[in-house]
C-alpha atoms as a PDB file:
ATOM      1  CA  MET A   1      -0.057   0.047  -0.096  1.00  0.00           C
ATOM      2  CA  ARG A   2       2.830   2.336   0.753  1.00  0.00           C
ATOM      3  CA  ARG A   3       4.320   1.948  -2.755  1.00  0.00           C
ATOM      4  CA  LEU A   4       1.043   2.666  -4.331  1.00  0.00           C
ATOM      5  CA  THR A   5       0.355   5.948  -2.059  1.00  0.00           C
ATOM      6  CA  GLU A   6       4.062   6.903  -3.147  1.00  0.00           C
ATOM      7  CA  LEU A   7       3.122   6.529  -6.822  1.00  0.00           C
ATOM      8  CA  LEU A   8      -0.289   8.480  -6.567  1.00  0.00           C
ATOM      9  CA  TYR A   9       0.970  11.204  -4.148  1.00  0.00           C
ATOM     10  CA  PRO A  10       4.686  11.480  -4.378  1.00  0.00           C
ATOM     11  CA  SER A  11       4.831  14.152  -1.737  1.00  0.00           C
ATOM     12  CA  GLY A  12       1.880  12.935   0.259  1.00  0.00           C
ATOM     13  CA  GLY A  13       1.549  12.279   3.780  1.00  0.00           C
ATOM     14  CA  ALA A  14      -0.654  10.292   6.248  1.00  0.00           C
ATOM     15  CA  SER A  15      -4.075  11.757   4.987  1.00  0.00           C
ATOM     16  CA  GLU A  16      -3.016  10.595   1.556  1.00  0.00           C
ATOM     17  CA  GLN A  17      -2.069   7.167   2.685  1.00  0.00           C
ATOM     18  CA  GLY A  18      -5.570   6.985   4.482  1.00  0.00           C
ATOM     19  CA  THR A  19      -7.335   7.956   1.043  1.00  0.00           C
ATOM     20  CA  VAL A  20      -5.328   5.155  -0.761  1.00  0.00           C
ATOM     21  CA  TYR A  21      -6.366   2.730   2.076  1.00  0.00           C
ATOM     22  CA  LYS A  22     -10.097   3.761   1.931  1.00  0.00           C
ATOM     23  CA  LEU A  23      -9.874   3.158  -1.898  1.00  0.00           C
ATOM     24  CA  LEU A  24      -8.409  -0.218  -1.625  1.00  0.00           C
ATOM     25  CA  GLU A  25     -11.029  -1.135   1.087  1.00  0.00           C
ATOM     26  CA  ARG A  26     -13.643  -0.149  -1.232  1.00  0.00           C
ATOM     27  CA  LEU A  27     -12.048  -2.093  -4.063  1.00  0.00           C
ATOM     28  CA  GLU A  28     -11.870  -5.073  -1.811  1.00  0.00           C
ATOM     29  CA  ALA A  29     -15.462  -4.777  -0.851  1.00  0.00           C
ATOM     30  CA  LYS A  30     -16.299  -5.006  -4.690  1.00  0.00           C
ATOM     31  CA  ALA A  31     -14.169  -8.091  -4.985  1.00  0.00           C
ATOM     32  CA  CYS A  32     -11.573  -6.196  -7.371  1.00  0.00           C
ATOM     33  CA  VAL A  33      -8.559  -6.666  -5.002  1.00  0.00           C
ATOM     34  CA  ARG A  34      -7.574  -9.137  -2.341  1.00  0.00           C
ATOM     35  CA  ARG A  35      -5.578  -8.277   0.736  1.00  0.00           C
ATOM     36  CA  ASP A  36      -2.903 -10.265   2.368  1.00  0.00           C
ATOM     37  CA  ARG A  37      -0.979  -9.447   5.443  1.00  0.00           C
ATOM     38  CA  SER A  38       1.132 -12.762   5.782  1.00  0.00           C
ATOM     39  CA  GLY A  39       4.217 -10.568   5.450  1.00  0.00           C
ATOM     40  CA  GLY A  40       3.523  -8.231   8.321  1.00  0.00           C
ATOM     41  CA  VAL A  41       2.117  -5.479   6.144  1.00  0.00           C
ATOM     42  CA  TYR A  42      -0.797  -5.135   3.859  1.00  0.00           C
ATOM     43  CA  GLU A  43      -0.333  -6.305   0.391  1.00  0.00           C
ATOM     44  CA  PHE A  44      -3.203  -5.866  -2.139  1.00  0.00           C
ATOM     45  CA  ARG A  45      -3.485  -7.741  -5.379  1.00  0.00           C
ATOM     46  CA  ALA A  46      -5.816  -7.588  -8.286  1.00  0.00           C
ATOM     47  CA  ALA A  47      -8.582 -10.050  -7.956  1.00  0.00           C
ATOM     48  CA  VAL A  48     -10.087  -9.571 -11.418  1.00  0.00           C
ATOM     49  CA  ALA A  49      -8.823  -8.559 -14.813  1.00  0.00           C
ATOM     50  CA  ARG A  50      -9.024  -4.840 -15.819  1.00  0.00           C
ATOM     51  CA  ASP A  51     -11.444  -5.675 -18.708  1.00  0.00           C
ATOM     52  CA  ASP A  52     -13.752  -7.392 -16.117  1.00  0.00           C
ATOM     53  CA  VAL A  53     -13.773  -4.368 -13.933  1.00  0.00           C
ATOM     54  CA  ILE A  54     -14.481  -2.030 -17.001  1.00  0.00           C
ATOM     55  CA  GLY A  55     -17.141  -4.404 -18.193  1.00  0.00           C
ATOM     56  CA  ARG A  56     -18.924  -4.491 -14.674  1.00  0.00           C
ATOM     57  CA  GLU A  57     -18.748  -0.680 -14.226  1.00  0.00           C
ATOM     58  CA  LEU A  58     -20.064  -0.203 -17.893  1.00  0.00           C
ATOM     59  CA  GLU A  59     -23.031  -2.413 -17.278  1.00  0.00           C
ATOM     60  CA  ALA A  60     -23.777  -0.432 -14.163  1.00  0.00           C
ATOM     61  CA  LEU A  61     -23.523   2.771 -16.024  1.00  0.00           C
ATOM     62  CA  VAL A  62     -25.802   1.562 -18.732  1.00  0.00           C
ATOM     63  CA  GLU A  63     -28.333   0.278 -16.226  1.00  0.00           C
ATOM     64  CA  LYS A  64     -28.289   3.642 -14.527  1.00  0.00           C
ATOM     65  CA  MET A  65     -28.334   5.923 -17.141  1.00  0.00           C
ATOM     66  CA  CYS A  66     -29.898   4.260 -20.041  1.00  0.00           C
ATOM     67  CA  GLY A  67     -32.300   1.900 -18.458  1.00  0.00           C
ATOM     68  CA  GLY A  68     -30.103  -0.980 -19.536  1.00  0.00           C
ATOM     69  CA  SER A  69     -30.201  -0.204 -23.204  1.00  0.00           C
ATOM     70  CA  LEU A  70     -26.873   0.142 -24.884  1.00  0.00           C
ATOM     71  CA  GLN A  71     -28.305   1.934 -27.957  1.00  0.00           C
ATOM     72  CA  PRO A  72     -28.434   5.383 -26.328  1.00  0.00           C
ATOM     73  CA  LEU A  73     -24.915   5.234 -24.855  1.00  0.00           C
ATOM     74  CA  LEU A  74     -23.387   3.952 -28.112  1.00  0.00           C
ATOM     75  CA  SER A  75     -25.194   6.416 -30.299  1.00  0.00           C
ATOM     76  CA  ASN A  76     -24.053   9.220 -28.140  1.00  0.00           C
ATOM     77  CA  LEU A  77     -20.319   8.019 -27.874  1.00  0.00           C
ATOM     78  CA  VAL A  78     -20.128   7.606 -31.635  1.00  0.00           C
ATOM     79  CA  ARG A  79     -21.595  11.088 -32.393  1.00  0.00           C
ATOM     80  CA  VAL A  80     -19.723  13.018 -29.749  1.00  0.00           C
ATOM     81  CA  LYS A  81     -16.319  11.137 -29.953  1.00  0.00           C
ATOM     82  CA  ARG A  82     -16.148  11.558 -33.737  1.00  0.00           C
ATOM     83  CA  LEU A  83     -14.715   8.289 -34.601  1.00  0.00           C
ATOM     84  CA  THR A  84     -12.225   7.959 -37.332  1.00  0.00           C
ATOM     85  CA  PRO A  85     -13.059   6.023 -40.416  1.00  0.00           C
ATOM     86  CA  GLU A  86     -10.842   3.186 -39.443  1.00  0.00           C
ATOM     87  CA  GLU A  87     -12.515   3.110 -35.971  1.00  0.00           C
ATOM     88  CA  LEU A  88     -16.061   3.087 -37.574  1.00  0.00           C
ATOM     89  CA  ARG A  89     -14.820   0.346 -39.755  1.00  0.00           C
ATOM     90  CA  ASP A  90     -13.625  -1.683 -36.796  1.00  0.00           C
ATOM     91  CA  LEU A  91     -16.741  -1.094 -34.798  1.00  0.00           C
ATOM     92  CA  LEU A  92     -18.960  -2.215 -37.915  1.00  0.00           C
ATOM     93  CA  ALA A  93     -16.969  -5.299 -38.129  1.00  0.00           C
ATOM     94  CA  LEU A  94     -17.262  -6.008 -34.479  1.00  0.00           C
ATOM     95  CA  VAL A  95     -21.064  -5.525 -34.798  1.00  0.00           C
ATOM     96  CA  ASN A  96     -21.241  -7.848 -37.879  1.00  0.00           C
ATOM     97  CA  SER A  97     -19.181 -10.528 -36.319  1.00  0.00           C
ATOM     98  CA  LEU A  98     -21.644 -10.503 -33.314  1.00  0.00           C
ATOM     99  CA  ASP A  99     -24.631 -10.820 -35.492  1.00  0.00           C
ATOM    100  CA  PRO A 100     -25.016 -14.249 -36.843  1.00  0.00           C
ATOM    101  CA  LYS A 101     -27.564 -13.259 -39.504  1.00  0.00           C
ATOM    102  CA  SER A 102     -25.054 -10.770 -41.087  1.00  0.00           C
ATOM    103  CA  LYS A 103     -22.999 -11.675 -43.895  1.00  0.00           C
ATOM    104  CA  PRO A 104     -20.063  -9.801 -45.383  1.00  0.00           C
ATOM    105  CA  LYS A 105     -20.961  -7.533 -48.075  1.00  0.00           C
ATOM    106  CA  LYS A 106     -19.170  -8.173 -51.250  1.00  0.00           C
ATOM    107  CA  ASP A 107     -17.682  -5.287 -53.056  1.00  0.00           C
ATOM    108  CA  ARG A 108     -19.528  -4.411 -56.118  1.00  0.00           C
ATOM    109  CA  LYS A 109     -17.491  -3.378 -59.181  1.00  0.00           C
ATOM    110  CA  LYS A 110     -19.034  -0.867 -61.423  1.00  0.00           C
END
């Protein structure tokens, strides 16, 4: 925990250490980290992968802000973020790969 505090607050003191400790307690309550004190000091380790945490938090956000529907969130992100043509192609390819009914469109030569 001390190393994490030093990374987050290089010139911090006891109050910053308390802040980090409280954050780690909250993450532990959410089963995101595990605490081990076998070495005499608290050692926290990730209990879930980063992508899993992001997924959980996004699901909670979608439920809270969009009533569980992804469409308003995705539409807004695509519109506001102004995706590049490559990002839009990648997004479309992902959507098509998830839809078993979709078939790749053949290029039409004129």
